[in-house]
Amino acid sequence: MNTTRPVADAPAVDWTALRNFAALRGQLRVSLTPRCNIACFFCHNEDDVPPPLTRMDRSQQPRARVYRAEHFLTVISSMMTAGLKRVYFTGGEPLNSPVARDVLTALPPSGPDGSYTLITNGTQVRTHQEWLARTPLDKVKVSLHYFSDESLRAIAGTRIGIDTVLDGIDASREMFERVELNCLLLKENVHEVKSILKFALNRRMPVQFIELVPTDFNDGRADTAISAEGIIGHLRTLTQDEHVEVTGVGQGRRVFRVDGVEIDVIHRDLGRHHVGQCGTCPVRTKCVEGFWALRVDHAGGIQPCLLRGDLRLDVKDAIKEPERLASAVAGHIAQFTEGTL
């Protein structure tokens, strides 16, 4: 399902759904590039062709880049003006993008209730440290799905060593007060999960352990996913401070505090935020997240759901008209939440 809808299909402006989504802490996820210097086998690449598929078959390429830095900045500014305040920069690897510096150093003020977060594999943070330190980023989230050269190679198919990733974490901490870790729970790293947790606790960094989200791109290795029950059981030996949060949008999370450090566990047994379109969705049985992010890609698309490329809205023709762009997205979200797309 990869049919993209033109912006002309947007209905009359209805801001209610978009503003409700923002009030529930919905994210704006900006994919600066689909390219990455590693190739984690589980990568969904924000519904673009992920690096491991391109590596195996060069005929499978992601969408061509359309947006320049000023286009990304227009989209971000328009969406923040419309009400979305939590902006996350993703990829691929966002630091692989030729426009990363120009975008991240020129971001508009996020305001008292806004935030900017960079999600990175960490391998290039030290290289770009000079200009990253001058960005208004509020937080850096580093993916740490491995804790040895062996598991890094097995998961990411790279010759880069784990020391480069760990140094990227150190470089991030030198620049930003808020640095967090993400770790997918996999058979390839199950023997290292406790070590990753210990690493985070020793540095007083929050960490999020996440069950694998099944997508068309990782169906072939679905059996590599493991349950979160193991890490949950271990965390319960370290603390009694535990609660579940299902407010807002997206997948609920189980939250632990260990010596004051927050540890989140995201697993499919918790609640998720489904809306009107989800009721008749043909892939709902695979969905473990619900509607929690509005995804902007480098090719001029905006998509409300990771698993439904056919719901992608093409807004590149509206990029020179910020008000038209924002109203088109608002109308698209209204149709999505009402189940009329």
C-alpha atoms as a PDB file:
ATOM      1  CA  MET A   1       0.000   0.000   0.000  1.00  0.00           C
ATOM      2  CA  ASN A   2       1.998   2.991  -1.203  1.00  0.00           C
ATOM      3  CA  THR A   3      -0.502   5.269  -2.940  1.00  0.00           C
ATOM      4  CA  THR A   4       0.156   8.853  -1.897  1.00  0.00           C
ATOM      5  CA  ARG A   5      -2.768  11.269  -1.674  1.00  0.00           C
ATOM      6  CA  PRO A   6      -2.412  14.731  -3.245  1.00  0.00           C
ATOM      7  CA  VAL A   7      -2.852  17.787  -1.076  1.00  0.00           C
ATOM      8  CA  ALA A   8      -5.845  18.829  -3.189  1.00  0.00           C
ATOM      9  CA  ASP A   9      -7.823  16.018  -1.541  1.00  0.00           C
ATOM     10  CA  ALA A  10      -7.765  17.853   1.807  1.00  0.00           C
ATOM     11  CA  PRO A  11     -11.246  18.878   3.049  1.00  0.00           C
ATOM     12  CA  ALA A  12     -12.252  22.264   4.464  1.00  0.00           C
ATOM     13  CA  VAL A  13     -10.114  23.156   7.461  1.00  0.00           C
ATOM     14  CA  ASP A  14     -11.012  21.451  10.733  1.00  0.00           C
ATOM     15  CA  TRP A  15      -8.354  22.183  13.327  1.00  0.00           C
ATOM     16  CA  THR A  16      -9.999  20.203  16.148  1.00  0.00           C
ATOM     17  CA  ALA A  17      -8.417  16.806  15.453  1.00  0.00           C
ATOM     18  CA  LEU A  18      -4.900  18.185  15.004  1.00  0.00           C
ATOM     19  CA  ARG A  19      -5.142  20.289  18.154  1.00  0.00           C
ATOM     20  CA  ASN A  20      -6.533  17.352  20.125  1.00  0.00           C
ATOM     21  CA  PHE A  21      -3.614  15.265  18.879  1.00  0.00           C
ATOM     22  CA  ALA A  22      -1.187  17.977  20.002  1.00  0.00           C
ATOM     23  CA  ALA A  23      -2.885  18.250  23.407  1.00  0.00           C
ATOM     24  CA  LEU A  24      -2.398  14.492  23.856  1.00  0.00           C
ATOM     25  CA  ARG A  25       1.353  14.992  23.311  1.00  0.00           C
ATOM     26  CA  GLY A  26       1.406  13.723  19.760  1.00  0.00           C
ATOM     27  CA  GLN A  27       4.777  13.899  18.026  1.00  0.00           C
ATOM     28  CA  LEU A  28       5.932  15.486  14.794  1.00  0.00           C
ATOM     29  CA  ARG A  29       8.622  13.130  13.479  1.00  0.00           C
ATOM     30  CA  VAL A  30      10.825  14.701  10.812  1.00  0.00           C
ATOM     31  CA  SER A  31      12.839  12.203   8.772  1.00  0.00           C
ATOM     32  CA  LEU A  32      15.763  14.218   7.420  1.00  0.00           C
ATOM     33  CA  THR A  33      17.007  11.324   5.291  1.00  0.00           C
ATOM     34  CA  PRO A  34      16.246   7.641   4.646  1.00  0.00           C
ATOM     35  CA  ARG A  35      19.988   6.930   4.391  1.00  0.00           C
ATOM     36  CA  CYS A  36      22.016   5.428   7.212  1.00  0.00           C
ATOM     37  CA  ASN A  37      25.616   4.376   7.741  1.00  0.00           C
ATOM     38  CA  ILE A  38      24.483   1.129   9.374  1.00  0.00           C
ATOM     39  CA  ALA A  39      21.691  -1.280   8.443  1.00  0.00           C
ATOM     40  CA  CYS A  40      19.765  -2.609  11.445  1.00  0.00           C
ATOM     41  CA  PHE A  41      17.645  -5.497  10.191  1.00  0.00           C
ATOM     42  CA  PHE A  42      14.491  -4.271  11.953  1.00  0.00           C
ATOM     43  CA  CYS A  43      14.595  -0.751  10.454  1.00  0.00           C
ATOM     44  CA  HIS A  44      11.227   0.557   9.235  1.00  0.00           C
ATOM     45  CA  ASN A  45      12.729   3.857   8.018  1.00  0.00           C
ATOM     46  CA  GLU A  46       9.480   5.753   8.675  1.00  0.00           C
ATOM     47  CA  ASP A  47       7.778   3.636   5.961  1.00  0.00           C
ATOM     48  CA  ASP A  48      10.456   4.283   3.338  1.00  0.00           C
ATOM     49  CA  VAL A  49      12.731   1.552   1.913  1.00  0.00           C
ATOM     50  CA  PRO A  50      15.149   0.777   4.776  1.00  0.00           C
ATOM     51  CA  PRO A  51      18.937   0.474   4.388  1.00  0.00           C
ATOM     52  CA  PRO A  52      19.128  -3.340   4.825  1.00  0.00           C
ATOM     53  CA  LEU A  53      16.812  -3.877   1.834  1.00  0.00           C
ATOM     54  CA  THR A  54      18.825  -1.481  -0.319  1.00  0.00           C
ATOM     55  CA  ARG A  55      22.020  -3.223   0.744  1.00  0.00           C
ATOM     56  CA  MET A  56      20.612  -6.594  -0.367  1.00  0.00           C
ATOM     57  CA  ASP A  57      19.017  -5.296  -3.575  1.00  0.00           C
ATOM     58  CA  ARG A  58      20.248  -2.035  -5.119  1.00  0.00           C
ATOM     59  CA  SER A  59      17.095  -1.800  -7.209  1.00  0.00           C
ATOM     60  CA  GLN A  60      15.156  -1.092  -3.994  1.00  0.00           C
ATOM     61  CA  GLN A  61      15.859   2.550  -3.266  1.00  0.00           C
ATOM     62  CA  PRO A  62      14.129   5.004  -0.916  1.00  0.00           C
ATOM     63  CA  ARG A  63      12.257   8.010  -2.232  1.00  0.00           C
ATOM     64  CA  ALA A  64      14.407  10.717  -3.792  1.00  0.00           C
ATOM     65  CA  ARG A  65      15.001  13.781  -1.645  1.00  0.00           C
ATOM     66  CA  VAL A  66      12.868  16.783  -2.574  1.00  0.00           C
ATOM     67  CA  TYR A  67      13.140  19.030   0.462  1.00  0.00           C
ATOM     68  CA  ARG A  68      15.987  21.429   1.046  1.00  0.00           C
ATOM     69  CA  ALA A  69      16.699  22.814   4.509  1.00  0.00           C
ATOM     70  CA  GLU A  70      14.332  25.740   4.054  1.00  0.00           C
ATOM     71  CA  HIS A  71      11.505  23.356   3.140  1.00  0.00           C
ATOM     72  CA  PHE A  72      11.955  21.333   6.316  1.00  0.00           C
ATOM     73  CA  LEU A  73      12.017  24.535   8.336  1.00  0.00           C
ATOM     74  CA  THR A  74       8.789  25.709   6.683  1.00  0.00           C
ATOM     75  CA  VAL A  75       7.028  22.444   7.528  1.00  0.00           C
ATOM     76  CA  ILE A  76       8.285  22.495  11.125  1.00  0.00           C
ATOM     77  CA  SER A  77       7.303  26.122  11.643  1.00  0.00           C
ATOM     78  CA  SER A  78       3.872  25.552  10.067  1.00  0.00           C
ATOM     79  CA  MET A  79       3.120  22.519  12.191  1.00  0.00           C
ATOM     80  CA  MET A  80       4.309  24.176  15.392  1.00  0.00           C
ATOM     81  CA  THR A  81       2.156  27.213  14.635  1.00  0.00           C
ATOM     82  CA  ALA A  82      -0.765  24.827  14.100  1.00  0.00           C
ATOM     83  CA  GLY A  83      -0.205  23.362  17.567  1.00  0.00           C
ATOM     84  CA  LEU A  84       2.310  20.509  17.375  1.00  0.00           C
ATOM     85  CA  LYS A  85       5.147  21.213  19.813  1.00  0.00           C
ATOM     86  CA  ARG A  86       7.112  17.983  20.261  1.00  0.00           C
ATOM     87  CA  VAL A  87       9.444  17.586  17.278  1.00  0.00           C
ATOM     88  CA  TYR A  88      11.676  14.544  16.808  1.00  0.00           C
ATOM     89  CA  PHE A  89      14.364  14.290  14.130  1.00  0.00           C
ATOM     90  CA  THR A  90      14.834  10.812  12.697  1.00  0.00           C
ATOM     91  CA  GLY A  91      16.052   9.004   9.589  1.00  0.00           C
ATOM     92  CA  GLY A  92      17.608   6.753   8.545  1.00  0.00           C
ATOM     93  CA  GLU A  93      20.363   8.413  10.471  1.00  0.00           C
ATOM     94  CA  PRO A  94      19.535  12.132  10.616  1.00  0.00           C
ATOM     95  CA  LEU A  95      23.207  13.116  10.818  1.00  0.00           C
ATOM     96  CA  ASN A  96      23.700  11.438   7.429  1.00  0.00           C
ATOM     97  CA  SER A  97      21.547  14.115   5.831  1.00  0.00           C
ATOM     98  CA  PRO A  98      23.331  16.862   3.850  1.00  0.00           C
ATOM     99  CA  VAL A  99      20.812  19.352   5.259  1.00  0.00           C
ATOM    100  CA  ALA A 100      21.029  18.283   8.916  1.00  0.00           C
ATOM    101  CA  ARG A 101      23.307  21.134   9.963  1.00  0.00           C
ATOM    102  CA  ASP A 102      21.298  23.810   8.163  1.00  0.00           C
ATOM    103  CA  VAL A 103      18.019  22.538   9.629  1.00  0.00           C
ATOM    104  CA  LEU A 104      19.084  21.865  13.200  1.00  0.00           C
ATOM    105  CA  THR A 105      21.001  25.112  13.664  1.00  0.00           C
ATOM    106  CA  ALA A 106      18.146  27.265  12.306  1.00  0.00           C
ATOM    107  CA  LEU A 107      15.152  25.862  14.173  1.00  0.00           C
ATOM    108  CA  PRO A 108      12.550  28.371  15.349  1.00  0.00           C
ATOM    109  CA  PRO A 109      12.149  28.799  19.129  1.00  0.00           C
ATOM    110  CA  SER A 110      10.242  25.817  20.493  1.00  0.00           C
ATOM    111  CA  GLY A 111       8.531  27.837  23.233  1.00  0.00           C
ATOM    112  CA  PRO A 112       7.897  26.890  26.864  1.00  0.00           C
ATOM    113  CA  ASP A 113       5.801  23.831  26.011  1.00  0.00           C
ATOM    114  CA  GLY A 114       7.812  22.685  22.990  1.00  0.00           C
ATOM    115  CA  SER A 115      10.871  20.492  22.541  1.00  0.00           C
ATOM    116  CA  TYR A 116      13.328  19.271  19.927  1.00  0.00           C
ATOM    117  CA  THR A 117      14.769  15.759  20.126  1.00  0.00           C
ATOM    118  CA  LEU A 118      17.433  14.145  17.932  1.00  0.00           C
ATOM    119  CA  ILE A 119      17.212  10.356  17.528  1.00  0.00           C
ATOM    120  CA  THR A 120      20.573   8.988  16.396  1.00  0.00           C
ATOM    121  CA  ASN A 121      22.665   5.823  16.278  1.00  0.00           C
ATOM    122  CA  GLY A 122      25.463   7.833  17.888  1.00  0.00           C
ATOM    123  CA  THR A 123      28.213   6.918  15.451  1.00  0.00           C
ATOM    124  CA  GLN A 124      28.561  10.418  13.975  1.00  0.00           C
ATOM    125  CA  VAL A 125      27.861  12.607  16.983  1.00  0.00           C
ATOM    126  CA  ARG A 126      31.524  13.215  17.798  1.00  0.00           C
ATOM    127  CA  THR A 127      32.212  14.137  14.145  1.00  0.00           C
ATOM    128  CA  HIS A 128      29.490  16.802  14.192  1.00  0.00           C
ATOM    129  CA  GLN A 129      29.954  17.917  17.790  1.00  0.00           C
ATOM    130  CA  GLU A 130      31.131  21.442  16.945  1.00  0.00           C
ATOM    131  CA  TRP A 131      27.904  22.515  15.263  1.00  0.00           C
ATOM    132  CA  LEU A 132      25.551  20.229  17.208  1.00  0.00           C
ATOM    133  CA  ALA A 133      26.544  22.104  20.362  1.00  0.00           C
ATOM    134  CA  ARG A 134      25.064  25.257  18.787  1.00  0.00           C
ATOM    135  CA  THR A 135      21.642  23.783  18.071  1.00  0.00           C
ATOM    136  CA  PRO A 136      18.552  24.367  20.256  1.00  0.00           C
ATOM    137  CA  LEU A 137      18.052  20.628  20.739  1.00  0.00           C
ATOM    138  CA  ASP A 138      16.508  19.793  24.104  1.00  0.00           C
ATOM    139  CA  LYS A 139      17.340  16.101  24.075  1.00  0.00           C
ATOM    140  CA  VAL A 140      19.318  13.417  22.280  1.00  0.00           C
ATOM    141  CA  LYS A 141      18.107   9.807  22.182  1.00  0.00           C
ATOM    142  CA  VAL A 142      20.782   7.310  21.209  1.00  0.00           C
ATOM    143  CA  SER A 143      19.857   3.838  19.962  1.00  0.00           C
ATOM    144  CA  LEU A 144      21.804   1.264  21.940  1.00  0.00           C
ATOM    145  CA  HIS A 145      20.485  -2.111  20.765  1.00  0.00           C
ATOM    146  CA  TYR A 146      23.891  -3.764  21.247  1.00  0.00           C
ATOM    147  CA  PHE A 147      26.733  -3.739  23.737  1.00  0.00           C
ATOM    148  CA  SER A 148      29.566  -5.492  21.919  1.00  0.00           C
ATOM    149  CA  ASP A 149      31.136  -5.548  18.483  1.00  0.00           C
ATOM    150  CA  GLU A 150      29.547  -8.955  17.925  1.00  0.00           C
ATOM    151  CA  SER A 151      25.959  -7.922  18.638  1.00  0.00           C
ATOM    152  CA  LEU A 152      26.431  -4.635  16.758  1.00  0.00           C
ATOM    153  CA  ARG A 153      27.567  -6.592  13.709  1.00  0.00           C
ATOM    154  CA  ALA A 154      24.714  -9.113  14.027  1.00  0.00           C
ATOM    155  CA  ILE A 155      22.023  -6.449  14.369  1.00  0.00           C
ATOM    156  CA  ALA A 156      23.365  -3.586  12.269  1.00  0.00           C
ATOM    157  CA  GLY A 157      25.522  -5.365   9.697  1.00  0.00           C
ATOM    158  CA  THR A 158      28.449  -3.005  10.212  1.00  0.00           C
ATOM    159  CA  ARG A 159      32.173  -3.051  10.893  1.00  0.00           C
ATOM    160  CA  ILE A 160      31.838   0.005  13.101  1.00  0.00           C
ATOM    161  CA  GLY A 161      32.820  -0.916  16.655  1.00  0.00           C
ATOM    162  CA  ILE A 162      30.728  -0.488  19.783  1.00  0.00           C
ATOM    163  CA  ASP A 163      33.310   1.968  21.137  1.00  0.00           C
ATOM    164  CA  THR A 164      32.247   4.449  18.446  1.00  0.00           C
ATOM    165  CA  VAL A 165      28.626   4.249  19.605  1.00  0.00           C
ATOM    166  CA  LEU A 166      29.579   4.611  23.270  1.00  0.00           C
ATOM    167  CA  ASP A 167      31.797   7.584  22.419  1.00  0.00           C
ATOM    168  CA  GLY A 168      28.823   9.153  20.630  1.00  0.00           C
ATOM    169  CA  ILE A 169      26.860   8.836  23.861  1.00  0.00           C
ATOM    170  CA  ASP A 170      29.691  10.516  25.769  1.00  0.00           C
ATOM    171  CA  ALA A 171      29.853  13.303  23.169  1.00  0.00           C
ATOM    172  CA  SER A 172      26.100  13.829  23.481  1.00  0.00           C
ATOM    173  CA  ARG A 173      26.378  14.115  27.247  1.00  0.00           C
ATOM    174  CA  GLU A 174      29.117  16.713  26.878  1.00  0.00           C
ATOM    175  CA  MET A 175      26.709  18.917  24.910  1.00  0.00           C
ATOM    176  CA  PHE A 176      23.235  18.239  26.261  1.00  0.00           C
ATOM    177  CA  GLU A 177      21.775  17.811  29.715  1.00  0.00           C
ATOM    178  CA  ARG A 178      19.149  15.316  28.550  1.00  0.00           C
ATOM    179  CA  VAL A 179      20.534  12.200  26.871  1.00  0.00           C
ATOM    180  CA  GLU A 180      18.465   9.004  26.787  1.00  0.00           C
ATOM    181  CA  LEU A 181      18.891   5.509  25.392  1.00  0.00           C
ATOM    182  CA  ASN A 182      16.578   3.284  23.334  1.00  0.00           C
ATOM    183  CA  CYS A 183      16.984  -0.488  23.262  1.00  0.00           C
ATOM    184  CA  LEU A 184      14.907  -2.925  21.214  1.00  0.00           C
ATOM    185  CA  LEU A 185      14.525  -6.329  22.841  1.00  0.00           C
ATOM    186  CA  LEU A 186      15.914  -8.987  20.495  1.00  0.00           C
ATOM    187  CA  LYS A 187      17.339 -12.490  20.617  1.00  0.00           C
ATOM    188  CA  GLU A 188      20.612 -11.009  19.383  1.00  0.00           C
ATOM    189  CA  ASN A 189      20.967  -8.764  22.438  1.00  0.00           C
ATOM    190  CA  VAL A 190      19.050 -10.587  25.165  1.00  0.00           C
ATOM    191  CA  HIS A 191      22.329 -11.537  26.854  1.00  0.00           C
ATOM    192  CA  GLU A 192      23.352  -7.861  26.986  1.00  0.00           C
ATOM    193  CA  VAL A 193      20.170  -6.161  28.161  1.00  0.00           C
ATOM    194  CA  LYS A 194      21.184  -6.132  31.835  1.00  0.00           C
ATOM    195  CA  SER A 195      24.576  -4.687  30.884  1.00  0.00           C
ATOM    196  CA  ILE A 196      22.879  -1.922  28.890  1.00  0.00           C
ATOM    197  CA  LEU A 197      20.663  -1.182  31.885  1.00  0.00           C
ATOM    198  CA  LYS A 198      23.682  -1.070  34.209  1.00  0.00           C
ATOM    199  CA  PHE A 199      25.501   1.227  31.782  1.00  0.00           C
ATOM    200  CA  ALA A 200      22.533   3.624  31.819  1.00  0.00           C
ATOM    201  CA  LEU A 201      22.088   3.542  35.589  1.00  0.00           C
ATOM    202  CA  ASN A 202      25.784   4.180  36.215  1.00  0.00           C
ATOM    203  CA  ARG A 203      25.506   7.338  34.096  1.00  0.00           C
ATOM    204  CA  ARG A 204      22.047   8.243  35.390  1.00  0.00           C
ATOM    205  CA  MET A 205      20.599   8.178  31.884  1.00  0.00           C
ATOM    206  CA  PRO A 206      16.968   7.216  31.272  1.00  0.00           C
ATOM    207  CA  VAL A 207      16.566   4.181  29.025  1.00  0.00           C
ATOM    208  CA  GLN A 208      13.579   2.778  27.171  1.00  0.00           C
ATOM    209  CA  PHE A 209      13.294  -0.952  26.439  1.00  0.00           C
ATOM    210  CA  ILE A 210      10.946  -1.638  23.530  1.00  0.00           C
ATOM    211  CA  GLU A 211       9.347  -4.734  22.046  1.00  0.00           C
ATOM    212  CA  LEU A 212       9.830  -5.028  18.297  1.00  0.00           C
ATOM    213  CA  VAL A 213       7.118  -3.442  16.138  1.00  0.00           C
ATOM    214  CA  PRO A 214       6.282  -5.813  13.257  1.00  0.00           C
ATOM    215  CA  THR A 215       6.310  -4.202   9.818  1.00  0.00           C
ATOM    216  CA  ASP A 216       6.427  -5.486   6.244  1.00  0.00           C
ATOM    217  CA  PHE A 217      10.150  -4.731   6.283  1.00  0.00           C
ATOM    218  CA  ASN A 218      11.055  -7.057   9.154  1.00  0.00           C
ATOM    219  CA  ASP A 219       8.541  -9.869   8.662  1.00  0.00           C
ATOM    220  CA  GLY A 220      11.327 -12.229   7.638  1.00  0.00           C
ATOM    221  CA  ARG A 221      12.927 -12.003  11.070  1.00  0.00           C
ATOM    222  CA  ALA A 222       9.847 -11.653  13.249  1.00  0.00           C
ATOM    223  CA  ASP A 223      11.006 -14.592  15.363  1.00  0.00           C
ATOM    224  CA  THR A 224      13.918 -12.514  16.666  1.00  0.00           C
ATOM    225  CA  ALA A 225      11.582 -10.447  18.864  1.00  0.00           C
ATOM    226  CA  ILE A 226      11.496 -11.252  22.554  1.00  0.00           C
ATOM    227  CA  SER A 227       8.999 -10.404  25.261  1.00  0.00           C
ATOM    228  CA  ALA A 228       9.600  -7.578  27.720  1.00  0.00           C
ATOM    229  CA  GLU A 229       8.729  -9.850  30.638  1.00  0.00           C
ATOM    230  CA  GLY A 230      12.389 -10.663  31.303  1.00  0.00           C
ATOM    231  CA  ILE A 231      13.511  -7.062  31.788  1.00  0.00           C
ATOM    232  CA  ILE A 232      10.324  -6.261  33.704  1.00  0.00           C
ATOM    233  CA  GLY A 233      11.059  -9.093  36.122  1.00  0.00           C
ATOM    234  CA  HIS A 234      14.639  -7.906  36.560  1.00  0.00           C
ATOM    235  CA  LEU A 235      13.580  -4.304  37.178  1.00  0.00           C
ATOM    236  CA  ARG A 236      11.203  -5.503  39.888  1.00  0.00           C
ATOM    237  CA  THR A 237      14.187  -6.918  41.755  1.00  0.00           C
ATOM    238  CA  LEU A 238      15.769  -3.442  41.720  1.00  0.00           C
ATOM    239  CA  THR A 239      12.814  -1.251  42.689  1.00  0.00           C
ATOM    240  CA  GLN A 240       9.218  -1.200  43.852  1.00  0.00           C
ATOM    241  CA  ASP A 241       8.614   2.156  42.189  1.00  0.00           C
ATOM    242  CA  GLU A 242       6.523   1.071  39.192  1.00  0.00           C
ATOM    243  CA  HIS A 243       3.472   2.401  37.445  1.00  0.00           C
ATOM    244  CA  VAL A 244       1.751   2.232  34.054  1.00  0.00           C
ATOM    245  CA  GLU A 245       1.007   5.273  31.916  1.00  0.00           C
ATOM    246  CA  VAL A 246      -1.616   5.020  29.177  1.00  0.00           C
ATOM    247  CA  THR A 247      -2.444   8.703  28.875  1.00  0.00           C
ATOM    248  CA  GLY A 248      -1.784  10.700  25.753  1.00  0.00           C
ATOM    249  CA  VAL A 249      -1.194   9.033  22.403  1.00  0.00           C
ATOM    250  CA  GLY A 250       0.645   5.952  21.306  1.00  0.00           C
ATOM    251  CA  GLN A 251       1.547   2.796  23.133  1.00  0.00           C
ATOM    252  CA  GLY A 252       1.251   2.791  26.904  1.00  0.00           C
ATOM    253  CA  ARG A 253       4.443   2.406  28.905  1.00  0.00           C
ATOM    254  CA  ARG A 254       5.463   0.729  32.111  1.00  0.00           C
ATOM    255  CA  VAL A 255       7.620   3.128  34.121  1.00  0.00           C
ATOM    256  CA  PHE A 256      10.163   2.182  36.769  1.00  0.00           C
ATOM    257  CA  ARG A 257      12.362   4.472  38.834  1.00  0.00           C
ATOM    258  CA  VAL A 258      15.649   2.972  39.982  1.00  0.00           C
ATOM    259  CA  ASP A 259      17.594   5.282  42.300  1.00  0.00           C
ATOM    260  CA  GLY A 260      15.795   8.205  40.714  1.00  0.00           C
ATOM    261  CA  VAL A 261      16.503   7.145  37.109  1.00  0.00           C
ATOM    262  CA  GLU A 262      13.464   6.540  34.897  1.00  0.00           C
ATOM    263  CA  ILE A 263      13.359   3.258  33.000  1.00  0.00           C
ATOM    264  CA  ASP A 264      10.498   2.753  30.529  1.00  0.00           C
ATOM    265  CA  VAL A 265       9.301  -0.516  29.062  1.00  0.00           C
ATOM    266  CA  ILE A 266       7.075  -0.453  25.983  1.00  0.00           C
ATOM    267  CA  HIS A 267       5.195  -3.691  25.349  1.00  0.00           C
ATOM    268  CA  ARG A 268       2.159  -4.791  23.423  1.00  0.00           C
ATOM    269  CA  ASP A 269       0.070  -5.718  26.475  1.00  0.00           C
ATOM    270  CA  LEU A 270      -0.480  -2.052  27.332  1.00  0.00           C
ATOM    271  CA  GLY A 271      -3.019   0.354  25.848  1.00  0.00           C
ATOM    272  CA  ARG A 272      -2.668   2.179  22.572  1.00  0.00           C
ATOM    273  CA  HIS A 273      -4.329   5.210  20.994  1.00  0.00           C
ATOM    274  CA  HIS A 274      -6.511   4.100  18.120  1.00  0.00           C
ATOM    275  CA  VAL A 275      -8.797   6.528  16.295  1.00  0.00           C
ATOM    276  CA  GLY A 276     -11.592   6.322  13.702  1.00  0.00           C
ATOM    277  CA  GLN A 277      -9.552   5.085  10.748  1.00  0.00           C
ATOM    278  CA  CYS A 278      -8.079   2.333  12.922  1.00  0.00           C
ATOM    279  CA  GLY A 279     -11.484   0.683  13.342  1.00  0.00           C
ATOM    280  CA  THR A 280     -11.534  -0.721   9.820  1.00  0.00           C
ATOM    281  CA  CYS A 281      -7.780  -0.880   9.262  1.00  0.00           C
ATOM    282  CA  PRO A 282      -6.734  -4.106   7.482  1.00  0.00           C
ATOM    283  CA  VAL A 283      -3.437  -4.246   9.406  1.00  0.00           C
ATOM    284  CA  ARG A 284      -4.757  -3.416  12.871  1.00  0.00           C
ATOM    285  CA  THR A 285      -3.856  -6.866  14.185  1.00  0.00           C
ATOM    286  CA  LYS A 286      -0.180  -6.010  13.561  1.00  0.00           C
ATOM    287  CA  CYS A 287      -0.416  -2.583  15.168  1.00  0.00           C
ATOM    288  CA  VAL A 288       1.116  -2.204  18.611  1.00  0.00           C
ATOM    289  CA  GLU A 289       1.400   1.588  18.608  1.00  0.00           C
ATOM    290  CA  GLY A 290      -1.763   3.283  17.404  1.00  0.00           C
ATOM    291  CA  PHE A 291      -1.681   6.904  16.273  1.00  0.00           C
ATOM    292  CA  TRP A 292       1.054   8.739  18.129  1.00  0.00           C
ATOM    293  CA  ALA A 293       3.162  10.492  15.491  1.00  0.00           C
ATOM    294  CA  LEU A 294       2.708  12.588  12.387  1.00  0.00           C
ATOM    295  CA  ARG A 295       5.607  11.629  10.124  1.00  0.00           C
ATOM    296  CA  VAL A 296       7.235  14.114   7.742  1.00  0.00           C
ATOM    297  CA  ASP A 297       9.586  12.723   5.100  1.00  0.00           C
ATOM    298  CA  HIS A 298      12.286  14.261   2.939  1.00  0.00           C
ATOM    299  CA  ALA A 299      10.268  13.630  -0.231  1.00  0.00           C
ATOM    300  CA  GLY A 300       7.411  15.967   0.673  1.00  0.00           C
ATOM    301  CA  GLY A 301       5.034  13.542   2.368  1.00  0.00           C
ATOM    302  CA  ILE A 302       3.202  13.551   5.692  1.00  0.00           C
ATOM    303  CA  GLN A 303       1.871  10.288   7.057  1.00  0.00           C
ATOM    304  CA  PRO A 304      -0.242   9.591  10.183  1.00  0.00           C
ATOM    305  CA  CYS A 305       0.517   5.875  10.432  1.00  0.00           C
ATOM    306  CA  LEU A 306       3.701   3.835  10.114  1.00  0.00           C
ATOM    307  CA  LEU A 307       1.924   0.791   8.669  1.00  0.00           C
ATOM    308  CA  ARG A 308      -0.282   2.599   6.129  1.00  0.00           C
ATOM    309  CA  GLY A 309       1.689   4.150   3.287  1.00  0.00           C
ATOM    310  CA  ASP A 310      -1.568   4.595   1.376  1.00  0.00           C
ATOM    311  CA  LEU A 311      -2.532   7.289   3.900  1.00  0.00           C
ATOM    312  CA  ARG A 312       0.528   9.389   3.071  1.00  0.00           C
ATOM    313  CA  LEU A 313      -0.345  12.947   2.019  1.00  0.00           C
ATOM    314  CA  ASP A 314       1.826  14.664  -0.598  1.00  0.00           C
ATOM    315  CA  VAL A 315       2.330  18.279   0.509  1.00  0.00           C
ATOM    316  CA  LYS A 316       5.389  19.281  -1.495  1.00  0.00           C
ATOM    317  CA  ASP A 317       3.317  21.455  -3.836  1.00  0.00           C
ATOM    318  CA  ALA A 318       2.071  23.454  -0.835  1.00  0.00           C
ATOM    319  CA  ILE A 319       5.511  24.107   0.624  1.00  0.00           C
ATOM    320  CA  LYS A 320       5.523  27.764  -0.538  1.00  0.00           C
ATOM    321  CA  GLU A 321       2.171  28.389   1.143  1.00  0.00           C
ATOM    322  CA  PRO A 322       2.568  27.566   4.860  1.00  0.00           C
ATOM    323  CA  GLU A 323      -1.059  28.297   5.725  1.00  0.00           C
ATOM    324  CA  ARG A 324      -2.319  26.030   2.939  1.00  0.00           C
ATOM    325  CA  LEU A 325       0.127  23.328   4.044  1.00  0.00           C
ATOM    326  CA  ALA A 326      -1.010  23.476   7.665  1.00  0.00           C
ATOM    327  CA  SER A 327      -4.709  23.473   6.771  1.00  0.00           C
ATOM    328  CA  ALA A 328      -4.237  20.513   4.409  1.00  0.00           C
ATOM    329  CA  VAL A 329      -2.548  18.492   7.148  1.00  0.00           C
ATOM    330  CA  ALA A 330      -5.212  19.481   9.662  1.00  0.00           C
ATOM    331  CA  GLY A 331      -7.931  18.322   7.273  1.00  0.00           C
ATOM    332  CA  HIS A 332      -6.103  15.063   6.622  1.00  0.00           C
ATOM    333  CA  ILE A 333      -5.834  14.337  10.348  1.00  0.00           C
ATOM    334  CA  ALA A 334      -9.520  15.177  10.801  1.00  0.00           C
ATOM    335  CA  GLN A 335     -10.445  12.619   8.121  1.00  0.00           C
ATOM    336  CA  PHE A 336      -8.116  10.056   9.676  1.00  0.00           C
ATOM    337  CA  THR A 337      -9.532  10.408  13.167  1.00  0.00           C
ATOM    338  CA  GLU A 338     -13.098  10.312  11.811  1.00  0.00           C
ATOM    339  CA  GLY A 339     -12.371   7.220   9.728  1.00  0.00           C
ATOM    340  CA  THR A 340     -13.290   8.824   6.410  1.00  0.00           C
ATOM    341  CA  LEU A 341      -9.962   8.654   4.526  1.00  0.00           C
END
